[in-house]
Amino acid sequence: MPIRPENRWLYPIDWPQLSDVIRFERACGRCEGCGRPHGRLVYHLGDGRWWDDAASVWRSGRGRALKLAPIDELPIGTTILTTQVVLACAHLDHDPSNNESRNLKAFCQRCHMLHDKAEHLRQRWFTYRLRKALGDLFLGPYPFRHRS
């Protein structure tokens, strides 16, 4: 995921190299949450289940093998989506200045978003409150709306 400009100074100067070590040496180019391979186009069902082409098996959102019909034998009408997998290096404690190896994990887009969900909700709350505060400060009180 892109680094926000205001957080750029929190990352070490060798962050690209550190990220590469975590994603491609330690994790061997696979998501440490679900096992999806970096740079590959994977088929998935939209609920976390994805087709592992190398093992010819469906996997859960956590990477466990599932007992589902092969991809070419799925019922007619089953929606199969595709996603290009890109690994990112995630901070488990959401602190970009804590770059210890045990605090970093290689996640695909889906796993990274699930891991950061609570942080994104917190940031969204903060952004909405900031907008409302700026509105109060510069625009005066909000007009009264009568509910009918």
N, C-alpha and C. Protein backbone atom coordinates (compact mmCIF):
# COMPACT_ATOMS: atom_id res chain seq x y z
N MET A 1 0.85 -1.17 0.00
CA MET A 1 0.00 0.00 0.00
C MET A 1 0.89 1.23 0.00
N PRO A 2 0.47 2.27 -0.65
CA PRO A 2 1.29 3.48 -0.69
C PRO A 2 1.46 4.10 0.70
N ILE A 3 2.60 4.70 0.90
CA ILE A 3 2.90 5.37 2.16
C ILE A 3 2.37 6.80 2.09
N ARG A 4 1.61 7.20 3.10
CA ARG A 4 1.10 8.56 3.13
C ARG A 4 2.26 9.54 3.29
N PRO A 5 2.21 10.68 2.61
CA PRO A 5 3.31 11.65 2.69
C PRO A 5 3.62 12.09 4.12
N GLU A 6 2.59 12.24 4.95
CA GLU A 6 2.84 12.68 6.32
C GLU A 6 3.50 11.61 7.18
N ASN A 7 3.47 10.34 6.72
CA ASN A 7 4.11 9.25 7.45
C ASN A 7 5.46 8.83 6.86
N ARG A 8 5.86 9.43 5.76
CA ARG A 8 7.08 9.03 5.07
C ARG A 8 8.30 9.08 5.98
N TRP A 9 8.38 10.06 6.84
CA TRP A 9 9.56 10.22 7.71
C TRP A 9 9.65 9.14 8.78
N LEU A 10 8.54 8.41 9.04
CA LEU A 10 8.56 7.34 10.04
C LEU A 10 9.27 6.07 9.54
N TYR A 11 9.36 5.93 8.22
CA TYR A 11 9.95 4.72 7.63
C TYR A 11 11.46 4.89 7.49
N PRO A 12 12.21 3.81 7.67
CA PRO A 12 13.66 3.91 7.50
C PRO A 12 14.03 4.15 6.04
N ILE A 13 15.22 4.63 5.83
CA ILE A 13 15.67 4.94 4.47
C ILE A 13 15.76 3.67 3.61
N ASP A 14 15.99 2.52 4.25
CA ASP A 14 16.11 1.27 3.51
C ASP A 14 14.79 0.47 3.50
N TRP A 15 13.65 1.16 3.62
CA TRP A 15 12.36 0.48 3.65
C TRP A 15 12.11 -0.40 2.42
N PRO A 16 12.39 0.03 1.20
CA PRO A 16 12.16 -0.85 0.04
C PRO A 16 12.92 -2.18 0.15
N GLN A 17 14.16 -2.14 0.63
CA GLN A 17 14.93 -3.36 0.77
C GLN A 17 14.37 -4.23 1.90
N LEU A 18 13.99 -3.61 3.01
CA LEU A 18 13.42 -4.35 4.13
C LEU A 18 12.11 -5.02 3.71
N SER A 19 11.29 -4.29 2.99
CA SER A 19 10.03 -4.83 2.50
C SER A 19 10.27 -6.01 1.56
N ASP A 20 11.24 -5.90 0.68
CA ASP A 20 11.57 -7.00 -0.23
C ASP A 20 12.02 -8.25 0.52
N VAL A 21 12.80 -8.07 1.56
CA VAL A 21 13.26 -9.21 2.37
C VAL A 21 12.07 -9.92 2.99
N ILE A 22 11.14 -9.17 3.57
CA ILE A 22 9.97 -9.76 4.21
C ILE A 22 9.09 -10.46 3.17
N ARG A 23 8.80 -9.79 2.05
CA ARG A 23 7.87 -10.33 1.06
C ARG A 23 8.43 -11.49 0.24
N PHE A 24 9.71 -11.40 -0.14
CA PHE A 24 10.20 -12.38 -1.10
C PHE A 24 11.20 -13.38 -0.53
N GLU A 25 11.89 -13.03 0.54
CA GLU A 25 12.81 -14.00 1.14
C GLU A 25 12.11 -14.78 2.26
N ARG A 26 11.55 -14.05 3.23
CA ARG A 26 10.91 -14.75 4.34
C ARG A 26 9.61 -15.42 3.90
N ALA A 27 8.75 -14.70 3.18
CA ALA A 27 7.44 -15.23 2.79
C ALA A 27 7.49 -15.98 1.45
N CYS A 28 8.62 -15.98 0.79
CA CYS A 28 8.79 -16.69 -0.50
C CYS A 28 7.77 -16.26 -1.55
N GLY A 29 7.40 -14.98 -1.54
CA GLY A 29 6.50 -14.46 -2.56
C GLY A 29 5.05 -14.88 -2.40
N ARG A 30 4.67 -15.29 -1.19
CA ARG A 30 3.28 -15.68 -0.92
C ARG A 30 2.75 -14.91 0.28
N CYS A 31 1.45 -14.64 0.25
CA CYS A 31 0.80 -13.94 1.35
C CYS A 31 0.92 -14.79 2.62
N GLU A 32 1.32 -14.17 3.72
CA GLU A 32 1.43 -14.89 4.98
C GLU A 32 0.09 -15.06 5.67
N GLY A 33 -0.97 -14.51 5.09
CA GLY A 33 -2.31 -14.68 5.65
C GLY A 33 -3.08 -15.79 4.96
N CYS A 34 -3.03 -15.82 3.63
CA CYS A 34 -3.84 -16.79 2.89
C CYS A 34 -3.04 -17.64 1.90
N GLY A 35 -1.81 -17.25 1.62
CA GLY A 35 -0.97 -18.04 0.73
C GLY A 35 -1.04 -17.69 -0.74
N ARG A 36 -1.75 -16.64 -1.10
CA ARG A 36 -1.83 -16.26 -2.52
C ARG A 36 -0.45 -15.84 -3.03
N PRO A 37 -0.11 -16.25 -4.26
CA PRO A 37 1.21 -15.94 -4.81
C PRO A 37 1.28 -14.54 -5.41
N HIS A 38 2.39 -13.84 -5.14
CA HIS A 38 2.60 -12.49 -5.64
C HIS A 38 2.70 -12.48 -7.17
N GLY A 39 2.07 -11.49 -7.78
CA GLY A 39 2.19 -11.28 -9.21
C GLY A 39 1.33 -12.19 -10.06
N ARG A 40 0.58 -13.08 -9.47
CA ARG A 40 -0.24 -14.03 -10.22
C ARG A 40 -1.69 -13.55 -10.29
N LEU A 41 -2.36 -13.95 -11.33
CA LEU A 41 -3.78 -13.70 -11.48
C LEU A 41 -4.49 -14.90 -10.86
N VAL A 42 -5.25 -14.69 -9.80
CA VAL A 42 -5.93 -15.81 -9.14
C VAL A 42 -7.44 -15.70 -9.34
N TYR A 43 -8.07 -16.86 -9.43
CA TYR A 43 -9.52 -16.95 -9.51
C TYR A 43 -10.05 -17.04 -8.08
N HIS A 44 -11.14 -16.33 -7.81
CA HIS A 44 -11.73 -16.40 -6.47
C HIS A 44 -13.24 -16.23 -6.57
N LEU A 45 -13.91 -16.54 -5.47
CA LEU A 45 -15.37 -16.50 -5.43
C LEU A 45 -15.91 -15.24 -4.76
N GLY A 46 -15.02 -14.33 -4.35
CA GLY A 46 -15.45 -13.06 -3.77
C GLY A 46 -15.65 -13.10 -2.27
N ASP A 47 -15.57 -14.28 -1.68
CA ASP A 47 -15.78 -14.40 -0.23
C ASP A 47 -14.52 -14.89 0.48
N GLY A 48 -13.39 -14.83 -0.20
CA GLY A 48 -12.13 -15.27 0.39
C GLY A 48 -11.64 -16.58 -0.19
N ARG A 49 -12.53 -17.40 -0.70
CA ARG A 49 -12.11 -18.67 -1.31
C ARG A 49 -11.45 -18.39 -2.65
N TRP A 50 -10.31 -19.03 -2.88
CA TRP A 50 -9.56 -18.79 -4.12
C TRP A 50 -8.98 -20.10 -4.64
N TRP A 51 -8.73 -20.15 -5.94
CA TRP A 51 -8.23 -21.33 -6.61
C TRP A 51 -6.70 -21.30 -6.64
N ASP A 52 -6.09 -22.30 -5.99
CA ASP A 52 -4.63 -22.45 -5.99
C ASP A 52 -4.27 -23.32 -7.20
N ASP A 53 -3.81 -22.66 -8.24
CA ASP A 53 -3.50 -23.35 -9.50
C ASP A 53 -2.36 -24.35 -9.34
N ALA A 54 -1.36 -24.02 -8.52
CA ALA A 54 -0.21 -24.90 -8.34
C ALA A 54 -0.62 -26.23 -7.70
N ALA A 55 -1.54 -26.19 -6.73
CA ALA A 55 -1.97 -27.40 -6.04
C ALA A 55 -3.30 -27.95 -6.58
N SER A 56 -3.91 -27.24 -7.51
CA SER A 56 -5.22 -27.61 -8.08
C SER A 56 -6.26 -27.86 -7.00
N VAL A 57 -6.39 -26.88 -6.10
CA VAL A 57 -7.33 -27.00 -5.00
C VAL A 57 -7.87 -25.62 -4.65
N TRP A 58 -9.12 -25.57 -4.16
CA TRP A 58 -9.67 -24.33 -3.63
C TRP A 58 -9.12 -24.13 -2.24
N ARG A 59 -8.83 -22.89 -1.88
CA ARG A 59 -8.33 -22.57 -0.54
C ARG A 59 -9.25 -21.55 0.12
N SER A 60 -9.28 -21.60 1.43
CA SER A 60 -10.09 -20.64 2.20
C SER A 60 -9.35 -19.31 2.28
N GLY A 61 -9.97 -18.33 2.90
CA GLY A 61 -9.34 -17.03 3.10
C GLY A 61 -8.13 -17.10 4.02
N ARG A 62 -7.94 -18.22 4.69
CA ARG A 62 -6.77 -18.42 5.56
C ARG A 62 -5.76 -19.39 4.95
N GLY A 63 -6.03 -19.84 3.72
CA GLY A 63 -5.08 -20.69 3.02
C GLY A 63 -5.28 -22.18 3.18
N ARG A 64 -6.32 -22.59 3.90
CA ARG A 64 -6.57 -24.02 4.10
C ARG A 64 -7.23 -24.62 2.87
N ALA A 65 -6.85 -25.85 2.54
CA ALA A 65 -7.45 -26.55 1.39
C ALA A 65 -8.91 -26.86 1.70
N LEU A 66 -9.76 -26.67 0.68
CA LEU A 66 -11.20 -26.92 0.81
C LEU A 66 -11.61 -28.07 -0.09
N LYS A 67 -12.68 -28.73 0.29
CA LYS A 67 -13.20 -29.83 -0.52
C LYS A 67 -14.32 -29.30 -1.41
N LEU A 68 -13.94 -28.57 -2.44
CA LEU A 68 -14.88 -28.05 -3.43
C LEU A 68 -14.55 -28.67 -4.78
N ALA A 69 -15.52 -28.65 -5.66
CA ALA A 69 -15.30 -29.18 -7.01
C ALA A 69 -14.22 -28.36 -7.70
N PRO A 70 -13.44 -28.98 -8.58
CA PRO A 70 -12.44 -28.22 -9.33
C PRO A 70 -13.08 -27.05 -10.08
N ILE A 71 -12.26 -26.11 -10.44
CA ILE A 71 -12.76 -24.86 -11.03
C ILE A 71 -13.57 -25.10 -12.30
N ASP A 72 -13.21 -26.11 -13.08
CA ASP A 72 -13.94 -26.37 -14.33
C ASP A 72 -15.21 -27.19 -14.11
N GLU A 73 -15.47 -27.65 -12.88
CA GLU A 73 -16.66 -28.43 -12.59
C GLU A 73 -17.64 -27.70 -11.67
N LEU A 74 -17.44 -26.42 -11.47
CA LEU A 74 -18.36 -25.65 -10.63
C LEU A 74 -19.72 -25.53 -11.31
N PRO A 75 -20.79 -25.41 -10.52
CA PRO A 75 -22.13 -25.29 -11.12
C PRO A 75 -22.23 -24.09 -12.06
N ILE A 76 -23.05 -24.24 -13.07
CA ILE A 76 -23.28 -23.15 -14.02
C ILE A 76 -23.91 -21.98 -13.26
N GLY A 77 -23.45 -20.79 -13.54
CA GLY A 77 -23.96 -19.60 -12.88
C GLY A 77 -23.10 -19.14 -11.72
N THR A 78 -22.11 -19.95 -11.34
CA THR A 78 -21.19 -19.54 -10.27
C THR A 78 -20.32 -18.41 -10.78
N THR A 79 -20.32 -17.32 -10.06
CA THR A 79 -19.51 -16.16 -10.46
C THR A 79 -18.08 -16.36 -10.01
N ILE A 80 -17.18 -16.39 -10.96
CA ILE A 80 -15.75 -16.53 -10.66
C ILE A 80 -15.08 -15.22 -11.04
N LEU A 81 -14.42 -14.62 -10.07
CA LEU A 81 -13.73 -13.34 -10.27
C LEU A 81 -12.23 -13.58 -10.37
N THR A 82 -11.52 -12.60 -10.89
CA THR A 82 -10.06 -12.69 -10.94
C THR A 82 -9.46 -11.46 -10.27
N THR A 83 -8.29 -11.66 -9.66
CA THR A 83 -7.57 -10.58 -9.01
C THR A 83 -6.08 -10.77 -9.24
N GLN A 84 -5.41 -9.69 -9.59
CA GLN A 84 -3.95 -9.70 -9.68
C GLN A 84 -3.41 -9.50 -8.27
N VAL A 85 -2.64 -10.45 -7.77
CA VAL A 85 -2.15 -10.40 -6.39
C VAL A 85 -0.89 -9.55 -6.31
N VAL A 86 -0.88 -8.61 -5.37
CA VAL A 86 0.28 -7.77 -5.10
C VAL A 86 0.54 -7.83 -3.60
N LEU A 87 1.72 -8.27 -3.22
CA LEU A 87 2.07 -8.34 -1.81
C LEU A 87 2.54 -6.99 -1.30
N ALA A 88 2.17 -6.70 -0.07
CA ALA A 88 2.65 -5.50 0.62
C ALA A 88 3.17 -5.93 1.98
N CYS A 89 4.04 -5.15 2.53
CA CYS A 89 4.59 -5.42 3.85
C CYS A 89 3.78 -4.63 4.87
N ALA A 90 3.10 -5.33 5.77
CA ALA A 90 2.20 -4.69 6.74
C ALA A 90 2.82 -4.66 8.13
N HIS A 91 2.55 -3.56 8.84
CA HIS A 91 2.95 -3.46 10.25
C HIS A 91 1.81 -4.03 11.09
N LEU A 92 2.09 -5.05 11.86
CA LEU A 92 1.05 -5.71 12.65
C LEU A 92 0.48 -4.80 13.73
N ASP A 93 1.29 -3.91 14.28
CA ASP A 93 0.81 -3.00 15.33
C ASP A 93 0.42 -1.62 14.78
N HIS A 94 0.41 -1.47 13.47
CA HIS A 94 0.03 -0.22 12.80
C HIS A 94 0.96 0.94 13.11
N ASP A 95 2.15 0.65 13.61
CA ASP A 95 3.13 1.68 13.94
C ASP A 95 4.24 1.63 12.91
N PRO A 96 4.27 2.58 11.95
CA PRO A 96 5.28 2.52 10.89
C PRO A 96 6.71 2.73 11.37
N SER A 97 6.89 3.14 12.60
CA SER A 97 8.26 3.30 13.09
C SER A 97 8.79 2.01 13.73
N ASN A 98 7.91 1.03 13.96
CA ASN A 98 8.32 -0.25 14.53
C ASN A 98 8.58 -1.23 13.39
N ASN A 99 9.84 -1.33 12.97
CA ASN A 99 10.19 -2.14 11.81
C ASN A 99 10.94 -3.42 12.18
N GLU A 100 10.63 -3.97 13.35
CA GLU A 100 11.22 -5.24 13.73
C GLU A 100 10.61 -6.34 12.87
N SER A 101 11.40 -7.36 12.59
CA SER A 101 10.96 -8.45 11.72
C SER A 101 9.67 -9.11 12.21
N ARG A 102 9.54 -9.30 13.52
CA ARG A 102 8.34 -9.96 14.04
C ARG A 102 7.10 -9.08 13.96
N ASN A 103 7.26 -7.80 13.70
CA ASN A 103 6.14 -6.88 13.57
C ASN A 103 5.71 -6.69 12.11
N LEU A 104 6.40 -7.31 11.18
CA LEU A 104 6.10 -7.14 9.75
C LEU A 104 5.61 -8.46 9.16
N LYS A 105 4.62 -8.36 8.28
CA LYS A 105 4.11 -9.53 7.57
C LYS A 105 3.84 -9.17 6.13
N ALA A 106 4.02 -10.14 5.24
CA ALA A 106 3.70 -9.98 3.83
C ALA A 106 2.23 -10.34 3.64
N PHE A 107 1.41 -9.37 3.20
CA PHE A 107 -0.02 -9.59 3.00
C PHE A 107 -0.41 -9.23 1.58
N CYS A 108 -1.38 -9.99 1.03
CA CYS A 108 -1.99 -9.60 -0.24
C CYS A 108 -2.97 -8.46 0.06
N GLN A 109 -3.60 -7.92 -0.99
CA GLN A 109 -4.50 -6.79 -0.81
C GLN A 109 -5.64 -7.13 0.15
N ARG A 110 -6.24 -8.31 -0.02
CA ARG A 110 -7.39 -8.69 0.80
C ARG A 110 -7.00 -8.82 2.27
N CYS A 111 -5.94 -9.56 2.54
CA CYS A 111 -5.51 -9.76 3.92
C CYS A 111 -5.06 -8.45 4.57
N HIS A 112 -4.42 -7.58 3.78
CA HIS A 112 -3.98 -6.29 4.31
C HIS A 112 -5.19 -5.43 4.70
N MET A 113 -6.20 -5.41 3.85
CA MET A 113 -7.40 -4.62 4.16
C MET A 113 -8.12 -5.19 5.38
N LEU A 114 -8.21 -6.52 5.50
CA LEU A 114 -8.85 -7.12 6.66
C LEU A 114 -8.07 -6.82 7.93
N HIS A 115 -6.75 -6.87 7.85
CA HIS A 115 -5.91 -6.57 9.01
C HIS A 115 -6.06 -5.11 9.44
N ASP A 116 -6.16 -4.20 8.47
CA ASP A 116 -6.22 -2.77 8.75
C ASP A 116 -7.64 -2.23 8.94
N LYS A 117 -8.66 -3.11 8.94
CA LYS A 117 -10.05 -2.66 8.99
C LYS A 117 -10.32 -1.74 10.18
N ALA A 118 -9.92 -2.16 11.38
CA ALA A 118 -10.19 -1.34 12.57
C ALA A 118 -9.48 0.00 12.48
N GLU A 119 -8.26 0.00 11.97
CA GLU A 119 -7.51 1.26 11.83
C GLU A 119 -8.17 2.17 10.81
N HIS A 120 -8.68 1.60 9.71
CA HIS A 120 -9.36 2.40 8.69
C HIS A 120 -10.65 3.00 9.26
N LEU A 121 -11.38 2.24 10.07
CA LEU A 121 -12.60 2.77 10.68
C LEU A 121 -12.27 3.90 11.65
N ARG A 122 -11.19 3.75 12.41
CA ARG A 122 -10.77 4.80 13.34
C ARG A 122 -10.38 6.05 12.57
N GLN A 123 -9.64 5.88 11.48
CA GLN A 123 -9.21 7.02 10.68
C GLN A 123 -10.41 7.70 10.02
N ARG A 124 -11.39 6.90 9.58
CA ARG A 124 -12.59 7.47 8.97
C ARG A 124 -13.36 8.32 9.99
N TRP A 125 -13.50 7.79 11.22
CA TRP A 125 -14.18 8.55 12.28
C TRP A 125 -13.47 9.88 12.51
N PHE A 126 -12.15 9.82 12.59
CA PHE A 126 -11.36 11.03 12.82
C PHE A 126 -11.55 12.04 11.69
N THR A 127 -11.53 11.56 10.44
CA THR A 127 -11.70 12.45 9.28
C THR A 127 -13.07 13.12 9.29
N TYR A 128 -14.12 12.35 9.59
CA TYR A 128 -15.46 12.93 9.65
C TYR A 128 -15.56 13.98 10.75
N ARG A 129 -14.99 13.68 11.92
CA ARG A 129 -15.03 14.63 13.02
C ARG A 129 -14.25 15.90 12.67
N LEU A 130 -13.13 15.76 12.00
CA LEU A 130 -12.33 16.90 11.58
C LEU A 130 -13.12 17.77 10.61
N ARG A 131 -13.79 17.16 9.64
CA ARG A 131 -14.59 17.93 8.68
C ARG A 131 -15.71 18.69 9.39
N LYS A 132 -16.36 18.02 10.33
CA LYS A 132 -17.45 18.68 11.06
C LYS A 132 -16.90 19.84 11.89
N ALA A 133 -15.76 19.64 12.52
CA ALA A 133 -15.16 20.70 13.33
C ALA A 133 -14.76 21.89 12.46
N LEU A 134 -14.21 21.63 11.28
CA LEU A 134 -13.86 22.72 10.37
C LEU A 134 -15.11 23.45 9.90
N GLY A 135 -16.19 22.68 9.67
CA GLY A 135 -17.45 23.32 9.29
C GLY A 135 -17.98 24.21 10.38
N ASP A 136 -17.89 23.74 11.63
CA ASP A 136 -18.34 24.56 12.77
C ASP A 136 -17.49 25.82 12.89
N LEU A 137 -16.20 25.67 12.66
CA LEU A 137 -15.28 26.78 12.84
C LEU A 137 -15.47 27.87 11.78
N PHE A 138 -15.60 27.46 10.53
CA PHE A 138 -15.62 28.44 9.44
C PHE A 138 -16.99 28.75 8.87
N LEU A 139 -17.95 27.85 9.03
CA LEU A 139 -19.26 28.07 8.42
C LEU A 139 -20.33 28.42 9.44
N GLY A 140 -20.00 28.40 10.69
CA GLY A 140 -20.99 28.69 11.71
C GLY A 140 -21.82 27.47 12.02
N PRO A 141 -22.87 27.66 12.80
CA PRO A 141 -23.71 26.51 13.17
C PRO A 141 -24.41 25.93 11.94
N TYR A 142 -24.60 24.63 12.00
CA TYR A 142 -25.30 23.98 10.88
C TYR A 142 -26.76 24.40 10.93
N PRO A 143 -27.36 24.58 9.74
CA PRO A 143 -28.78 24.97 9.72
C PRO A 143 -29.64 23.87 10.31
N PHE A 144 -30.68 24.29 11.03
CA PHE A 144 -31.62 23.34 11.62
C PHE A 144 -32.47 22.75 10.52
N ARG A 145 -32.55 21.43 10.51
CA ARG A 145 -33.42 20.75 9.53
C ARG A 145 -34.60 20.16 10.28
N HIS A 146 -35.78 20.53 9.84
CA HIS A 146 -36.98 19.98 10.44
C HIS A 146 -37.26 18.63 9.80
N ARG A 147 -37.42 17.62 10.65
CA ARG A 147 -37.75 16.27 10.12
C ARG A 147 -39.25 16.12 10.07
N SER A 148 -39.70 15.68 8.93
CA SER A 148 -41.15 15.48 8.83
C SER A 148 -41.51 14.03 8.75
